[in-house]
PDB file of all heavy atoms in Angstrom:
ATOM      1  N   VAL A   1      -3.228  -2.209  14.075  1.00  0.00           N
ATOM      2  CA  VAL A   1      -4.378  -2.258  13.178  1.00  0.00           C
ATOM      3  C   VAL A   1      -4.884  -3.694  13.077  1.00  0.00           C
ATOM      4  O   VAL A   1      -4.160  -4.645  13.387  1.00  0.00           O
ATOM      5  CB  VAL A   1      -4.034  -1.722  11.763  1.00  0.00           C
ATOM      6  CG1 VAL A   1      -3.697  -0.246  11.810  1.00  0.00           C
ATOM      7  CG2 VAL A   1      -2.902  -2.506  11.139  1.00  0.00           C
ATOM      8  N   SER A   2      -6.117  -3.852  12.635  1.00  0.00           N
ATOM      9  CA  SER A   2      -6.695  -5.185  12.450  1.00  0.00           C
ATOM     10  C   SER A   2      -6.106  -5.841  11.213  1.00  0.00           C
ATOM     11  O   SER A   2      -5.736  -5.168  10.254  1.00  0.00           O
ATOM     12  CB  SER A   2      -8.209  -5.081  12.267  1.00  0.00           C
ATOM     13  OG  SER A   2      -8.787  -4.524  13.414  1.00  0.00           O
ATOM     14  N   LYS A   3      -6.080  -7.167  11.235  1.00  0.00           N
ATOM     15  CA  LYS A   3      -5.671  -7.911  10.045  1.00  0.00           C
ATOM     16  C   LYS A   3      -6.864  -8.015   9.097  1.00  0.00           C
ATOM     17  O   LYS A   3      -8.010  -7.819   9.500  1.00  0.00           O
ATOM     18  CB  LYS A   3      -5.190  -9.309  10.429  1.00  0.00           C
ATOM     19  CG  LYS A   3      -3.839  -9.301  11.118  1.00  0.00           C
ATOM     20  CD  LYS A   3      -3.355 -10.700  11.354  1.00  0.00           C
ATOM     21  CE  LYS A   3      -1.970 -10.670  11.971  1.00  0.00           C
ATOM     22  NZ  LYS A   3      -1.456 -12.026  12.200  1.00  0.00           N
ATOM     23  N   THR A   4      -6.593  -8.362   7.856  1.00  0.00           N
ATOM     24  CA  THR A   4      -7.665  -8.515   6.872  1.00  0.00           C
ATOM     25  C   THR A   4      -8.442  -9.794   7.165  1.00  0.00           C
ATOM     26  O   THR A   4      -8.060 -10.588   8.026  1.00  0.00           O
ATOM     27  CB  THR A   4      -7.092  -8.609   5.440  1.00  0.00           C
ATOM     28  OG1 THR A   4      -6.343  -9.831   5.337  1.00  0.00           O
ATOM     29  CG2 THR A   4      -6.230  -7.414   5.110  1.00  0.00           C
ATOM     30  N   ILE A   5      -9.511 -10.017   6.425  1.00  0.00           N
ATOM     31  CA  ILE A   5     -10.318 -11.227   6.583  1.00  0.00           C
ATOM     32  C   ILE A   5      -9.486 -12.474   6.294  1.00  0.00           C
ATOM     33  O   ILE A   5      -9.776 -13.569   6.756  1.00  0.00           O
ATOM     34  CB  ILE A   5     -11.584 -11.145   5.699  1.00  0.00           C
ATOM     35  CG1 ILE A   5     -12.581 -12.216   6.095  1.00  0.00           C
ATOM     36  CG2 ILE A   5     -11.223 -11.235   4.234  1.00  0.00           C
ATOM     37  CD1 ILE A   5     -13.944 -12.046   5.490  1.00  0.00           C
ATOM     38  N   PHE A   6      -8.392 -12.310   5.533  1.00  0.00           N
ATOM     39  CA  PHE A   6      -7.498 -13.424   5.212  1.00  0.00           C
ATOM     40  C   PHE A   6      -6.315 -13.496   6.181  1.00  0.00           C
ATOM     41  O   PHE A   6      -5.322 -14.144   5.913  1.00  0.00           O
ATOM     42  CB  PHE A   6      -7.005 -13.298   3.770  1.00  0.00           C
ATOM     43  CG  PHE A   6      -8.118 -13.260   2.773  1.00  0.00           C
ATOM     44  CD1 PHE A   6      -8.408 -12.084   2.094  1.00  0.00           C
ATOM     45  CD2 PHE A   6      -8.910 -14.375   2.537  1.00  0.00           C
ATOM     46  CE1 PHE A   6      -9.452 -12.030   1.185  1.00  0.00           C
ATOM     47  CE2 PHE A   6      -9.950 -14.332   1.631  1.00  0.00           C
ATOM     48  CZ  PHE A   6     -10.223 -13.159   0.950  1.00  0.00           C
ATOM     49  N   LEU A   7      -6.433 -12.787   7.325  1.00  0.00           N
ATOM     50  CA  LEU A   7      -5.421 -12.750   8.387  1.00  0.00           C
ATOM     51  C   LEU A   7      -4.074 -12.226   7.906  1.00  0.00           C
ATOM     52  O   LEU A   7      -3.027 -12.685   8.329  1.00  0.00           O
ATOM     53  CB  LEU A   7      -5.263 -14.134   9.024  1.00  0.00           C
ATOM     54  CG  LEU A   7      -6.530 -14.689   9.665  1.00  0.00           C
ATOM     55  CD1 LEU A   7      -6.283 -16.066  10.221  1.00  0.00           C
ATOM     56  CD2 LEU A   7      -7.029 -13.767  10.762  1.00  0.00           C
ATOM     57  N   GLN A   8      -4.128 -11.254   6.992  1.00  0.00           N
ATOM     58  CA  GLN A   8      -2.907 -10.616   6.515  1.00  0.00           C
ATOM     59  C   GLN A   8      -2.746  -9.257   7.177  1.00  0.00           C
ATOM     60  O   GLN A   8      -3.717  -8.568   7.454  1.00  0.00           O
ATOM     61  CB  GLN A   8      -2.952 -10.432   4.993  1.00  0.00           C
ATOM     62  CG  GLN A   8      -2.931 -11.730   4.236  1.00  0.00           C
ATOM     63  CD  GLN A   8      -3.085 -11.478   2.747  1.00  0.00           C
ATOM     64  OE1 GLN A   8      -3.914 -10.672   2.323  1.00  0.00           O
ATOM     65  NE2 GLN A   8      -2.299 -12.170   1.958  1.00  0.00           N
ATOM     66  N   CYS A   9      -1.509  -8.892   7.405  1.00  0.00           N
ATOM     67  CA  CYS A   9      -1.185  -7.574   7.944  1.00  0.00           C
ATOM     68  C   CYS A   9      -0.718  -6.717   6.769  1.00  0.00           C
ATOM     69  O   CYS A   9       0.428  -6.817   6.335  1.00  0.00           O
ATOM     70  CB  CYS A   9      -0.086  -7.704   9.009  1.00  0.00           C
ATOM     71  SG  CYS A   9       0.282  -6.146   9.824  1.00  0.00           S
ATOM     72  N   VAL A  10      -1.617  -5.928   6.244  1.00  0.00           N
ATOM     73  CA  VAL A  10      -1.334  -5.154   5.033  1.00  0.00           C
ATOM     74  C   VAL A  10      -0.744  -3.799   5.406  1.00  0.00           C
ATOM     75  O   VAL A  10      -1.359  -3.051   6.175  1.00  0.00           O
ATOM     76  CB  VAL A  10      -2.619  -4.965   4.189  1.00  0.00           C
ATOM     77  CG1 VAL A  10      -2.342  -4.151   2.954  1.00  0.00           C
ATOM     78  CG2 VAL A  10      -3.207  -6.320   3.832  1.00  0.00           C
ATOM     79  N   PRO A  11       0.431  -3.473   4.878  1.00  0.00           N
ATOM     80  CA  PRO A  11       1.008  -2.160   5.172  1.00  0.00           C
ATOM     81  C   PRO A  11       0.237  -1.052   4.467  1.00  0.00           C
ATOM     82  O   PRO A  11      -0.387  -1.274   3.431  1.00  0.00           O
ATOM     83  CB  PRO A  11       2.430  -2.265   4.619  1.00  0.00           C
ATOM     84  CG  PRO A  11       2.352  -3.298   3.561  1.00  0.00           C
ATOM     85  CD  PRO A  11       1.273  -4.263   3.997  1.00  0.00           C
ATOM     86  N   TRP A  12       0.288   0.145   5.056  1.00  0.00           N
ATOM     87  CA  TRP A  12      -0.362   1.290   4.428  1.00  0.00           C
ATOM     88  C   TRP A  12       0.397   1.639   3.166  1.00  0.00           C
ATOM     89  O   TRP A  12       1.626   1.559   3.105  1.00  0.00           O
ATOM     90  CB  TRP A  12      -0.356   2.475   5.390  1.00  0.00           C
ATOM     91  CG  TRP A  12      -1.058   3.658   4.831  1.00  0.00           C
ATOM     92  CD1 TRP A  12      -2.397   3.883   4.827  1.00  0.00           C
ATOM     93  CD2 TRP A  12      -0.479   4.790   4.191  1.00  0.00           C
ATOM     94  NE1 TRP A  12      -2.685   5.070   4.235  1.00  0.00           N
ATOM     95  CE2 TRP A  12      -1.519   5.655   3.825  1.00  0.00           C
ATOM     96  CE3 TRP A  12       0.823   5.150   3.876  1.00  0.00           C
ATOM     97  CZ2 TRP A  12      -1.312   6.853   3.175  1.00  0.00           C
ATOM     98  CZ3 TRP A  12       1.038   6.353   3.218  1.00  0.00           C
ATOM     99  CH2 TRP A  12      -0.018   7.191   2.876  1.00  0.00           C
ATOM    100  N   ARG A  13      -0.317   2.033   2.134  1.00  0.00           N
ATOM    101  CA  ARG A  13       0.328   2.404   0.872  1.00  0.00           C
ATOM    102  C   ARG A  13      -0.053   3.832   0.501  1.00  0.00           C
ATOM    103  O   ARG A  13      -1.115   4.329   0.870  1.00  0.00           O
ATOM    104  CB  ARG A  13      -0.118   1.433  -0.214  1.00  0.00           C
ATOM    105  CG  ARG A  13       0.345   0.016   0.107  1.00  0.00           C
ATOM    106  CD  ARG A  13       0.866  -0.672  -1.121  1.00  0.00           C
ATOM    107  NE  ARG A  13       1.645  -1.837  -0.786  1.00  0.00           N
ATOM    108  CZ  ARG A  13       1.168  -3.065  -0.727  1.00  0.00           C
ATOM    109  NH1 ARG A  13      -0.100  -3.288  -0.957  1.00  0.00           N
ATOM    110  NH2 ARG A  13       1.962  -4.066  -0.442  1.00  0.00           N
ATOM    111  N   LYS A  14       0.830   4.463  -0.228  1.00  0.00           N
ATOM    112  CA  LYS A  14       0.643   5.861  -0.628  1.00  0.00           C
ATOM    113  C   LYS A  14      -0.483   5.990  -1.649  1.00  0.00           C
ATOM    114  O   LYS A  14      -0.749   5.086  -2.422  1.00  0.00           O
ATOM    115  CB  LYS A  14       1.949   6.412  -1.194  1.00  0.00           C
ATOM    116  CG  LYS A  14       3.039   6.469  -0.145  1.00  0.00           C
ATOM    117  CD  LYS A  14       4.328   7.022  -0.712  1.00  0.00           C
ATOM    118  CE  LYS A  14       5.374   7.122   0.391  1.00  0.00           C
ATOM    119  NZ  LYS A  14       6.626   7.672  -0.104  1.00  0.00           N
ATOM    120  N   LEU A  15      -1.112   7.174  -1.640  1.00  0.00           N
ATOM    121  CA  LEU A  15      -2.258   7.431  -2.509  1.00  0.00           C
ATOM    122  C   LEU A  15      -1.842   8.131  -3.790  1.00  0.00           C
ATOM    123  O   LEU A  15      -0.686   8.555  -3.940  1.00  0.00           O
ATOM    124  CB  LEU A  15      -3.280   8.269  -1.751  1.00  0.00           C
ATOM    125  CG  LEU A  15      -3.765   7.666  -0.428  1.00  0.00           C
ATOM    126  CD1 LEU A  15      -4.668   8.641   0.300  1.00  0.00           C
ATOM    127  CD2 LEU A  15      -4.475   6.351  -0.685  1.00  0.00           C
ATOM    128  N   LYS A  16      -2.780   8.311  -4.685  1.00  0.00           N
ATOM    129  CA  LYS A  16      -2.546   8.958  -5.979  1.00  0.00           C
ATOM    130  C   LYS A  16      -1.888  10.327  -5.789  1.00  0.00           C
ATOM    131  O   LYS A  16      -2.360  11.143  -5.001  1.00  0.00           O
ATOM    132  CB  LYS A  16      -3.872   9.112  -6.713  1.00  0.00           C
ATOM    133  CG  LYS A  16      -3.775   9.858  -8.015  1.00  0.00           C
ATOM    134  CD  LYS A  16      -5.152  10.057  -8.617  1.00  0.00           C
ATOM    135  CE  LYS A  16      -5.080  10.985  -9.804  1.00  0.00           C
ATOM    136  NZ  LYS A  16      -6.396  11.299 -10.326  1.00  0.00           N
ATOM    137  N   GLY A  17      -0.794  10.557  -6.500  1.00  0.00           N
ATOM    138  CA  GLY A  17      -0.098  11.839  -6.454  1.00  0.00           C
ATOM    139  C   GLY A  17       1.020  11.923  -5.436  1.00  0.00           C
ATOM    140  O   GLY A  17       1.824  12.855  -5.479  1.00  0.00           O
ATOM    141  N   ASP A  18       1.115  10.972  -4.516  1.00  0.00           N
ATOM    142  CA  ASP A  18       2.196  10.987  -3.520  1.00  0.00           C
ATOM    143  C   ASP A  18       3.527  10.631  -4.172  1.00  0.00           C
ATOM    144  O   ASP A  18       3.584   9.817  -5.095  1.00  0.00           O
ATOM    145  CB  ASP A  18       1.920   9.981  -2.397  1.00  0.00           C
ATOM    146  CG  ASP A  18       0.782  10.425  -1.487  1.00  0.00           C
ATOM    147  OD1 ASP A  18       0.386  11.597  -1.564  1.00  0.00           O
ATOM    148  OD2 ASP A  18       0.320   9.592  -0.705  1.00  0.00           O
ATOM    149  N   LEU A  19       4.600  11.234  -3.667  1.00  0.00           N
ATOM    150  CA  LEU A  19       5.938  10.897  -4.146  1.00  0.00           C
ATOM    151  C   LEU A  19       6.272   9.463  -3.750  1.00  0.00           C
ATOM    152  O   LEU A  19       5.890   8.990  -2.676  1.00  0.00           O
ATOM    153  CB  LEU A  19       6.974  11.843  -3.549  1.00  0.00           C
ATOM    154  CG  LEU A  19       6.886  13.313  -3.984  1.00  0.00           C
ATOM    155  CD1 LEU A  19       7.856  14.170  -3.191  1.00  0.00           C
ATOM    156  CD2 LEU A  19       7.165  13.436  -5.479  1.00  0.00           C
ATOM    157  N   CYS A  20       6.980   8.746  -4.638  1.00  0.00           N
ATOM    158  CA  CYS A  20       7.313   7.349  -4.360  1.00  0.00           C
ATOM    159  C   CYS A  20       8.660   6.985  -4.980  1.00  0.00           C
ATOM    160  O   CYS A  20       9.206   7.736  -5.777  1.00  0.00           O
ATOM    161  CB  CYS A  20       6.223   6.431  -4.899  1.00  0.00           C
ATOM    162  SG  CYS A  20       5.919   6.648  -6.670  1.00  0.00           S
ATOM    163  N   ARG A  21       9.176   5.832  -4.575  1.00  0.00           N
ATOM    164  CA  ARG A  21      10.436   5.313  -5.135  1.00  0.00           C
ATOM    165  C   ARG A  21      10.243   3.977  -5.830  1.00  0.00           C
ATOM    166  O   ARG A  21      11.027   3.602  -6.672  1.00  0.00           O
ATOM    167  CB  ARG A  21      11.469   5.156  -4.025  1.00  0.00           C
ATOM    168  CG  ARG A  21      12.016   6.470  -3.541  1.00  0.00           C
ATOM    169  CD  ARG A  21      13.124   6.244  -2.545  1.00  0.00           C
ATOM    170  NE  ARG A  21      12.829   7.077  -1.394  1.00  0.00           N
ATOM    171  CZ  ARG A  21      13.103   6.779  -0.153  1.00  0.00           C
ATOM    172  NH1 ARG A  21      13.697   5.670   0.143  1.00  0.00           N
ATOM    173  NH2 ARG A  21      12.782   7.598   0.813  1.00  0.00           N
ATOM    174  N   SER A  22       9.208   3.222  -5.413  1.00  0.00           N
ATOM    175  CA  SER A  22       8.965   1.916  -6.033  1.00  0.00           C
ATOM    176  C   SER A  22       7.461   1.654  -6.119  1.00  0.00           C
ATOM    177  O   SER A  22       6.669   2.277  -5.413  1.00  0.00           O
ATOM    178  CB  SER A  22       9.649   0.811  -5.229  1.00  0.00           C
ATOM    179  OG  SER A  22       8.972   0.616  -4.014  1.00  0.00           O
ATOM    180  N   HIS A  23       7.076   0.702  -6.973  1.00  0.00           N
ATOM    181  CA  HIS A  23       5.670   0.364  -7.185  1.00  0.00           C
ATOM    182  C   HIS A  23       4.998  -0.114  -5.898  1.00  0.00           C
ATOM    183  O   HIS A  23       3.843   0.189  -5.644  1.00  0.00           O
ATOM    184  CB  HIS A  23       5.535  -0.728  -8.249  1.00  0.00           C
ATOM    185  CG  HIS A  23       5.955  -0.293  -9.616  1.00  0.00           C
ATOM    186  ND1 HIS A  23       5.436   0.813 -10.242  1.00  0.00           N
ATOM    187  CD2 HIS A  23       6.859  -0.822 -10.479  1.00  0.00           C
ATOM    188  CE1 HIS A  23       5.983   0.949 -11.435  1.00  0.00           C
ATOM    189  NE2 HIS A  23       6.874  -0.026 -11.603  1.00  0.00           N
ATOM    190  N   ARG A  24       5.718  -0.874  -5.064  1.00  0.00           N
ATOM    191  CA  ARG A  24       5.082  -1.449  -3.871  1.00  0.00           C
ATOM    192  C   ARG A  24       4.729  -0.413  -2.810  1.00  0.00           C
ATOM    193  O   ARG A  24       3.992  -0.695  -1.890  1.00  0.00           O
ATOM    194  CB  ARG A  24       5.902  -2.590  -3.310  1.00  0.00           C
ATOM    195  CG  ARG A  24       7.217  -2.238  -2.779  1.00  0.00           C
ATOM    196  CD  ARG A  24       8.006  -3.526  -2.505  1.00  0.00           C
ATOM    197  NE  ARG A  24       9.346  -3.337  -3.007  1.00  0.00           N
ATOM    198  CZ  ARG A  24      10.368  -3.040  -2.251  1.00  0.00           C
ATOM    199  NH1 ARG A  24      10.207  -2.944  -0.954  1.00  0.00           N
ATOM    200  NH2 ARG A  24      11.541  -2.835  -2.767  1.00  0.00           N
ATOM    201  N   GLU A  25       5.235   0.823  -2.938  1.00  0.00           N
ATOM    202  CA  GLU A  25       4.874   1.894  -1.999  1.00  0.00           C
ATOM    203  C   GLU A  25       3.465   2.424  -2.252  1.00  0.00           C
ATOM    204  O   GLU A  25       2.868   3.037  -1.382  1.00  0.00           O
ATOM    205  CB  GLU A  25       5.851   3.075  -2.129  1.00  0.00           C
ATOM    206  CG  GLU A  25       7.233   2.823  -1.596  1.00  0.00           C
ATOM    207  CD  GLU A  25       8.110   4.048  -1.749  1.00  0.00           C
ATOM    208  OE1 GLU A  25       7.593   5.183  -1.659  1.00  0.00           O
ATOM    209  OE2 GLU A  25       9.315   3.882  -1.968  1.00  0.00           O
ATOM    210  N   CYS A  26       2.939   2.191  -3.448  1.00  0.00           N
ATOM    211  CA  CYS A  26       1.670   2.793  -3.866  1.00  0.00           C
ATOM    212  C   CYS A  26       0.499   1.834  -3.750  1.00  0.00           C
ATOM    213  O   CYS A  26       0.628   0.636  -4.013  1.00  0.00           O
ATOM    214  CB  CYS A  26       1.767   3.245  -5.314  1.00  0.00           C
ATOM    215  SG  CYS A  26       3.101   4.418  -5.605  1.00  0.00           S
ATOM    216  N   LEU A  27      -0.666   2.381  -3.391  1.00  0.00           N
ATOM    217  CA  LEU A  27      -1.888   1.596  -3.317  1.00  0.00           C
ATOM    218  C   LEU A  27      -2.221   1.029  -4.699  1.00  0.00           C
ATOM    219  O   LEU A  27      -2.667  -0.106  -4.818  1.00  0.00           O
ATOM    220  CB  LEU A  27      -3.033   2.483  -2.810  1.00  0.00           C
ATOM    221  CG  LEU A  27      -4.361   1.815  -2.567  1.00  0.00           C
ATOM    222  CD1 LEU A  27      -4.219   0.732  -1.500  1.00  0.00           C
ATOM    223  CD2 LEU A  27      -5.388   2.839  -2.127  1.00  0.00           C
ATOM    224  N   SER A  28      -1.938   1.785  -5.739  1.00  0.00           N
ATOM    225  CA  SER A  28      -2.203   1.342  -7.109  1.00  0.00           C
ATOM    226  C   SER A  28      -1.111   0.415  -7.642  1.00  0.00           C
ATOM    227  O   SER A  28      -1.248  -0.137  -8.735  1.00  0.00           O
ATOM    228  CB  SER A  28      -2.309   2.557  -8.031  1.00  0.00           C
ATOM    229  OG  SER A  28      -1.051   3.225  -8.084  1.00  0.00           O
ATOM    230  N   GLN A  29      -0.029   0.260  -6.883  1.00  0.00           N
ATOM    231  CA  GLN A  29       1.134  -0.534  -7.311  1.00  0.00           C
ATOM    232  C   GLN A  29       1.736   0.032  -8.600  1.00  0.00           C
ATOM    233  O   GLN A  29       2.281  -0.688  -9.427  1.00  0.00           O
ATOM    234  CB  GLN A  29       0.741  -2.007  -7.522  1.00  0.00           C
ATOM    235  CG  GLN A  29       0.273  -2.704  -6.275  1.00  0.00           C
ATOM    236  CD  GLN A  29       1.411  -2.990  -5.307  1.00  0.00           C
ATOM    237  OE1 GLN A  29       2.380  -3.626  -5.649  1.00  0.00           O
ATOM    238  NE2 GLN A  29       1.286  -2.471  -4.094  1.00  0.00           N
ATOM    239  N   CYS A  30       1.645   1.367  -8.737  1.00  0.00           N
ATOM    240  CA  CYS A  30       2.146   2.029  -9.940  1.00  0.00           C
ATOM    241  C   CYS A  30       2.872   3.316  -9.554  1.00  0.00           C
ATOM    242  O   CYS A  30       2.241   4.293  -9.141  1.00  0.00           O
ATOM    243  CB  CYS A  30       0.973   2.320 -10.877  1.00  0.00           C
ATOM    244  SG  CYS A  30       1.470   2.988 -12.468  1.00  0.00           S
ATOM    245  N   CYS A  31       4.201   3.334  -9.676  1.00  0.00           N
ATOM    246  CA  CYS A  31       5.022   4.492  -9.328  1.00  0.00           C
ATOM    247  C   CYS A  31       5.844   4.872 -10.556  1.00  0.00           C
ATOM    248  O   CYS A  31       6.804   4.175 -10.910  1.00  0.00           O
ATOM    249  CB  CYS A  31       5.934   4.124  -8.150  1.00  0.00           C
ATOM    250  SG  CYS A  31       7.082   5.435  -7.670  1.00  0.00           S
TER     251      CYS A  31
END
């Protein structure tokens, strides 16, 4: 995948309603 405009490689994060184990897994950073 392309890097962001700030040359960061951002991992894909889970969307609203997806099962999670930690905050960093979620796009909202809220698990």
